[in-house]
């Protein structure tokens, strides 16, 4: 199996369409809808799990004190949100199994 390290949206759509035998238009609708779902989760600061694939959640980080390398002074940074994406355990297990075979 040959896979690229990075796909643009159009390349990803074409690759999925070729592998699955769907039209490019159908796959584009699916990918656009998936992106909309991810954006919704991020904006609503929620979480989403796609079984046997990924889980995604937003975590609020509190105000923190840190160092600004430009000014070389300590300053307070405002609260922020981070998006975390985790690959499902069955995918991680496949990776572990494949690395044992090598």
C-alpha atoms as a PDB file:
ATOM      1  CA  UNK A   1       0.000   0.000   0.000  1.00  0.00           C
ATOM      2  CA  UNK A   2       1.358   3.384  -0.990  1.00  0.00           C
ATOM      3  CA  UNK A   3       0.288   6.419   0.977  1.00  0.00           C
ATOM      4  CA  UNK A   4       1.420  10.015   0.855  1.00  0.00           C
ATOM      5  CA  UNK A   5       2.553  11.883   3.950  1.00  0.00           C
ATOM      6  CA  UNK A   6       0.282  14.827   3.270  1.00  0.00           C
ATOM      7  CA  UNK A   7      -2.904  15.297   1.277  1.00  0.00           C
ATOM      8  CA  UNK A   8      -4.628  18.448   0.183  1.00  0.00           C
ATOM      9  CA  UNK A   9      -8.417  18.326   0.319  1.00  0.00           C
ATOM     10  CA  UNK A  10      -8.761  17.658  -3.431  1.00  0.00           C
ATOM     11  CA  UNK A  11      -6.112  14.910  -3.341  1.00  0.00           C
ATOM     12  CA  UNK A  12      -7.793  13.258  -0.356  1.00  0.00           C
ATOM     13  CA  UNK A  13     -11.173  13.326  -2.099  1.00  0.00           C
ATOM     14  CA  UNK A  14      -9.698  11.761  -5.242  1.00  0.00           C
ATOM     15  CA  UNK A  15      -7.860   9.068  -3.258  1.00  0.00           C
ATOM     16  CA  UNK A  16     -10.987   8.068  -1.335  1.00  0.00           C
ATOM     17  CA  UNK A  17     -13.103   8.103  -4.513  1.00  0.00           C
ATOM     18  CA  UNK A  18     -10.585   5.858  -6.295  1.00  0.00           C
ATOM     19  CA  UNK A  19     -10.296   3.384  -3.417  1.00  0.00           C
ATOM     20  CA  UNK A  20     -14.010   3.216  -2.590  1.00  0.00           C
ATOM     21  CA  UNK A  21     -15.403   3.419  -6.112  1.00  0.00           C
ATOM     22  CA  UNK A  22     -17.539   6.482  -5.344  1.00  0.00           C
ATOM     23  CA  UNK A  23     -17.839   9.584  -7.473  1.00  0.00           C
ATOM     24  CA  UNK A  24     -15.634  12.535  -6.629  1.00  0.00           C
ATOM     25  CA  UNK A  25     -18.790  14.617  -6.065  1.00  0.00           C
ATOM     26  CA  UNK A  26     -20.168  12.165  -3.494  1.00  0.00           C
ATOM     27  CA  UNK A  27     -16.873  11.979  -1.613  1.00  0.00           C
ATOM     28  CA  UNK A  28     -16.605  15.796  -1.659  1.00  0.00           C
ATOM     29  CA  UNK A  29     -20.009  16.031   0.056  1.00  0.00           C
ATOM     30  CA  UNK A  30     -18.901  13.517   2.694  1.00  0.00           C
ATOM     31  CA  UNK A  31     -15.571  15.260   3.372  1.00  0.00           C
ATOM     32  CA  UNK A  32     -17.232  18.703   3.533  1.00  0.00           C
ATOM     33  CA  UNK A  33     -19.801  17.361   5.992  1.00  0.00           C
ATOM     34  CA  UNK A  34     -17.073  15.783   8.133  1.00  0.00           C
ATOM     35  CA  UNK A  35     -15.165  19.086   8.190  1.00  0.00           C
ATOM     36  CA  UNK A  36     -18.389  20.873   9.212  1.00  0.00           C
ATOM     37  CA  UNK A  37     -18.810  18.397  12.085  1.00  0.00           C
ATOM     38  CA  UNK A  38     -15.238  18.989  13.271  1.00  0.00           C
ATOM     39  CA  UNK A  39     -15.760  22.769  13.116  1.00  0.00           C
ATOM     40  CA  UNK A  40     -18.999  22.463  15.089  1.00  0.00           C
ATOM     41  CA  UNK A  41     -17.284  20.468  17.816  1.00  0.00           C
ATOM     42  CA  UNK A  42     -14.513  23.068  18.015  1.00  0.00           C
ATOM     43  CA  UNK A  43     -16.864  26.071  18.087  1.00  0.00           C
ATOM     44  CA  UNK A  44     -19.207  24.523  20.656  1.00  0.00           C
ATOM     45  CA  UNK A  45     -16.190  23.325  22.686  1.00  0.00           C
ATOM     46  CA  UNK A  46     -17.659  19.843  22.685  1.00  0.00           C
ATOM     47  CA  UNK A  47     -16.426  16.365  21.944  1.00  0.00           C
ATOM     48  CA  UNK A  48     -17.014  13.738  19.276  1.00  0.00           C
ATOM     49  CA  UNK A  49     -16.059  10.116  18.914  1.00  0.00           C
ATOM     50  CA  UNK A  50     -16.034   8.116  15.707  1.00  0.00           C
ATOM     51  CA  UNK A  51     -15.831   4.480  16.813  1.00  0.00           C
ATOM     52  CA  UNK A  52     -12.773   2.592  15.584  1.00  0.00           C
ATOM     53  CA  UNK A  53     -11.285   5.789  14.182  1.00  0.00           C
ATOM     54  CA  UNK A  54     -10.773   8.911  16.324  1.00  0.00           C
ATOM     55  CA  UNK A  55     -12.009  10.888  19.273  1.00  0.00           C
ATOM     56  CA  UNK A  56     -11.850  14.659  19.367  1.00  0.00           C
ATOM     57  CA  UNK A  57     -12.434  17.038  22.249  1.00  0.00           C
ATOM     58  CA  UNK A  58     -11.832  20.646  23.216  1.00  0.00           C
ATOM     59  CA  UNK A  59     -10.155  21.470  26.493  1.00  0.00           C
ATOM     60  CA  UNK A  60     -10.150  24.886  28.137  1.00  0.00           C
ATOM     61  CA  UNK A  61      -6.771  25.957  29.476  1.00  0.00           C
ATOM     62  CA  UNK A  62      -6.777  28.531  32.299  1.00  0.00           C
ATOM     63  CA  UNK A  63      -4.918  31.832  32.413  1.00  0.00           C
ATOM     64  CA  UNK A  64      -1.230  31.169  32.851  1.00  0.00           C
ATOM     65  CA  UNK A  65       1.918  33.086  33.507  1.00  0.00           C
ATOM     66  CA  UNK A  66       4.703  32.624  31.025  1.00  0.00           C
ATOM     67  CA  UNK A  67       7.765  34.126  29.411  1.00  0.00           C
ATOM     68  CA  UNK A  68       7.611  36.215  26.257  1.00  0.00           C
ATOM     69  CA  UNK A  69      10.881  35.688  24.341  1.00  0.00           C
ATOM     70  CA  UNK A  70      10.411  38.879  22.303  1.00  0.00           C
ATOM     71  CA  UNK A  71      10.148  41.211  25.295  1.00  0.00           C
ATOM     72  CA  UNK A  72      12.114  38.919  27.626  1.00  0.00           C
ATOM     73  CA  UNK A  73       9.553  39.547  30.338  1.00  0.00           C
ATOM     74  CA  UNK A  74       7.057  37.436  32.218  1.00  0.00           C
ATOM     75  CA  UNK A  75       3.446  38.052  31.317  1.00  0.00           C
ATOM     76  CA  UNK A  76      -0.007  36.600  31.820  1.00  0.00           C
ATOM     77  CA  UNK A  77      -1.529  34.735  28.923  1.00  0.00           C
ATOM     78  CA  UNK A  78      -5.340  34.637  28.667  1.00  0.00           C
ATOM     79  CA  UNK A  79      -7.386  31.436  28.849  1.00  0.00           C
ATOM     80  CA  UNK A  80      -7.383  29.497  25.612  1.00  0.00           C
ATOM     81  CA  UNK A  81      -8.902  26.399  24.054  1.00  0.00           C
ATOM     82  CA  UNK A  82      -7.016  23.445  22.629  1.00  0.00           C
ATOM     83  CA  UNK A  83      -8.338  20.760  20.320  1.00  0.00           C
ATOM     84  CA  UNK A  84      -7.155  17.233  21.029  1.00  0.00           C
ATOM     85  CA  UNK A  85      -7.526  14.378  18.557  1.00  0.00           C
ATOM     86  CA  UNK A  86      -6.750  10.803  19.541  1.00  0.00           C
ATOM     87  CA  UNK A  87      -6.539   7.826  17.256  1.00  0.00           C
ATOM     88  CA  UNK A  88      -8.602   4.818  18.333  1.00  0.00           C
ATOM     89  CA  UNK A  89      -6.979   1.961  20.171  1.00  0.00           C
ATOM     90  CA  UNK A  90      -7.578  -0.561  17.386  1.00  0.00           C
ATOM     91  CA  UNK A  91      -5.535   1.617  14.979  1.00  0.00           C
ATOM     92  CA  UNK A  92      -2.756   1.976  17.572  1.00  0.00           C
ATOM     93  CA  UNK A  93      -2.812  -1.818  18.061  1.00  0.00           C
ATOM     94  CA  UNK A  94      -2.374  -2.364  14.318  1.00  0.00           C
ATOM     95  CA  UNK A  95       0.617  -0.038  14.382  1.00  0.00           C
ATOM     96  CA  UNK A  96       2.143  -1.930  17.308  1.00  0.00           C
ATOM     97  CA  UNK A  97       1.531  -5.277  15.573  1.00  0.00           C
ATOM     98  CA  UNK A  98       3.099  -4.092  12.334  1.00  0.00           C
ATOM     99  CA  UNK A  99       6.201  -2.767  14.125  1.00  0.00           C
ATOM    100  CA  UNK A 100       6.682  -6.156  15.845  1.00  0.00           C
ATOM    101  CA  UNK A 101       6.759  -7.916  12.467  1.00  0.00           C
ATOM    102  CA  UNK A 102       9.617  -5.754  11.168  1.00  0.00           C
END
